[in-house]
C-alpha atoms as a PDB file:
ATOM      1  CA  UNK A   1      -4.582   8.694 -18.081  1.00  0.00           C
ATOM      2  CA  UNK A   2      -1.093   8.511 -16.417  1.00  0.00           C
ATOM      3  CA  UNK A   3      -2.911  10.264 -13.115  1.00  0.00           C
ATOM      4  CA  UNK A   4      -5.966   7.784 -13.120  1.00  0.00           C
ATOM      5  CA  UNK A   5      -3.288   4.951 -13.219  1.00  0.00           C
ATOM      6  CA  UNK A   6      -1.302   6.270 -10.226  1.00  0.00           C
ATOM      7  CA  UNK A   7      -4.916   6.394  -8.301  1.00  0.00           C
ATOM      8  CA  UNK A   8      -5.855   3.360  -9.130  1.00  0.00           C
ATOM      9  CA  UNK A   9      -2.075   1.843  -8.128  1.00  0.00           C
ATOM     10  CA  UNK A  10      -2.450   3.682  -4.822  1.00  0.00           C
ATOM     11  CA  UNK A  11      -6.089   2.443  -4.257  1.00  0.00           C
ATOM     12  CA  UNK A  12      -4.783  -0.988  -4.763  1.00  0.00           C
ATOM     13  CA  UNK A  13      -2.079  -0.589  -2.351  1.00  0.00           C
ATOM     14  CA  UNK A  14      -4.513   0.575   0.617  1.00  0.00           C
ATOM     15  CA  UNK A  15      -6.443  -2.704  -0.429  1.00  0.00           C
ATOM     16  CA  UNK A  16      -3.507  -4.770  -0.068  1.00  0.00           C
ATOM     17  CA  UNK A  17      -2.658  -3.161   3.504  1.00  0.00           C
ATOM     18  CA  UNK A  18      -6.448  -3.663   4.426  1.00  0.00           C
ATOM     19  CA  UNK A  19      -5.886  -7.535   3.312  1.00  0.00           C
ATOM     20  CA  UNK A  20      -2.758  -7.593   5.350  1.00  0.00           C
ATOM     21  CA  UNK A  21      -4.198  -6.392   8.350  1.00  0.00           C
ATOM     22  CA  UNK A  22      -7.074  -8.719   8.350  1.00  0.00           C
ATOM     23  CA  UNK A  23      -4.456 -11.596   7.855  1.00  0.00           C
ATOM     24  CA  UNK A  24      -2.698 -10.215  11.033  1.00  0.00           C
ATOM     25  CA  UNK A  25      -5.754  -9.731  13.114  1.00  0.00           C
ATOM     26  CA  UNK A  26      -6.796 -13.892  12.155  1.00  0.00           C
ATOM     27  CA  UNK A  27      -2.931 -14.673  13.280  1.00  0.00           C
ATOM     28  CA  UNK A  28      -2.551 -16.011   9.506  1.00  0.00           C
ATOM     29  CA  UNK A  29       0.535 -13.892   9.486  1.00  0.00           C
ATOM     30  CA  UNK A  30       3.055 -12.340  11.950  1.00  0.00           C
ATOM     31  CA  UNK A  31       3.175  -8.668  12.898  1.00  0.00           C
ATOM     32  CA  UNK A  32       6.794  -8.499  11.216  1.00  0.00           C
ATOM     33  CA  UNK A  33       5.597  -9.886   8.081  1.00  0.00           C
ATOM     34  CA  UNK A  34       2.533  -7.146   8.308  1.00  0.00           C
ATOM     35  CA  UNK A  35       4.978  -4.511   9.144  1.00  0.00           C
ATOM     36  CA  UNK A  36       7.427  -5.726   6.281  1.00  0.00           C
ATOM     37  CA  UNK A  37       4.749  -5.833   3.439  1.00  0.00           C
ATOM     38  CA  UNK A  38       2.683  -2.722   4.433  1.00  0.00           C
ATOM     39  CA  UNK A  39       5.757  -0.704   4.576  1.00  0.00           C
ATOM     40  CA  UNK A  40       6.805  -1.555   1.198  1.00  0.00           C
ATOM     41  CA  UNK A  41       3.180  -0.564   0.000  1.00  0.00           C
ATOM     42  CA  UNK A  42       3.456   2.701   2.078  1.00  0.00           C
ATOM     43  CA  UNK A  43       6.632   3.879   0.416  1.00  0.00           C
ATOM     44  CA  UNK A  44       5.236   3.136  -2.984  1.00  0.00           C
ATOM     45  CA  UNK A  45       2.228   5.382  -1.942  1.00  0.00           C
ATOM     46  CA  UNK A  46       4.620   8.205  -0.577  1.00  0.00           C
ATOM     47  CA  UNK A  47       6.621   8.058  -3.765  1.00  0.00           C
ATOM     48  CA  UNK A  48       3.840   8.028  -6.076  1.00  0.00           C
ATOM     49  CA  UNK A  49       2.371  10.601  -4.263  1.00  0.00           C
ATOM     50  CA  UNK A  50       5.348  13.053  -4.489  1.00  0.00           C
ATOM     51  CA  UNK A  51       5.463  12.390  -8.294  1.00  0.00           C
ATOM     52  CA  UNK A  52       1.824  12.986  -8.385  1.00  0.00           C
ATOM     53  CA  UNK A  53       2.195  16.442  -6.501  1.00  0.00           C
ATOM     54  CA  UNK A  54       5.307  17.365  -8.460  1.00  0.00           C
ATOM     55  CA  UNK A  55       3.651  17.286 -12.192  1.00  0.00           C
END
């Protein structure tokens, strides 16, 4: 159950990053905003993946 939740959270973060990229491409957010928000999501994915592989 926990593994499924982690997987869903990672997928959700990936989808958010894709949306952020689309917003950046349409110039609705700046490159800086994209980088800030994407970095947060990628850090979450990295931490979750480390925890996931340690279990």
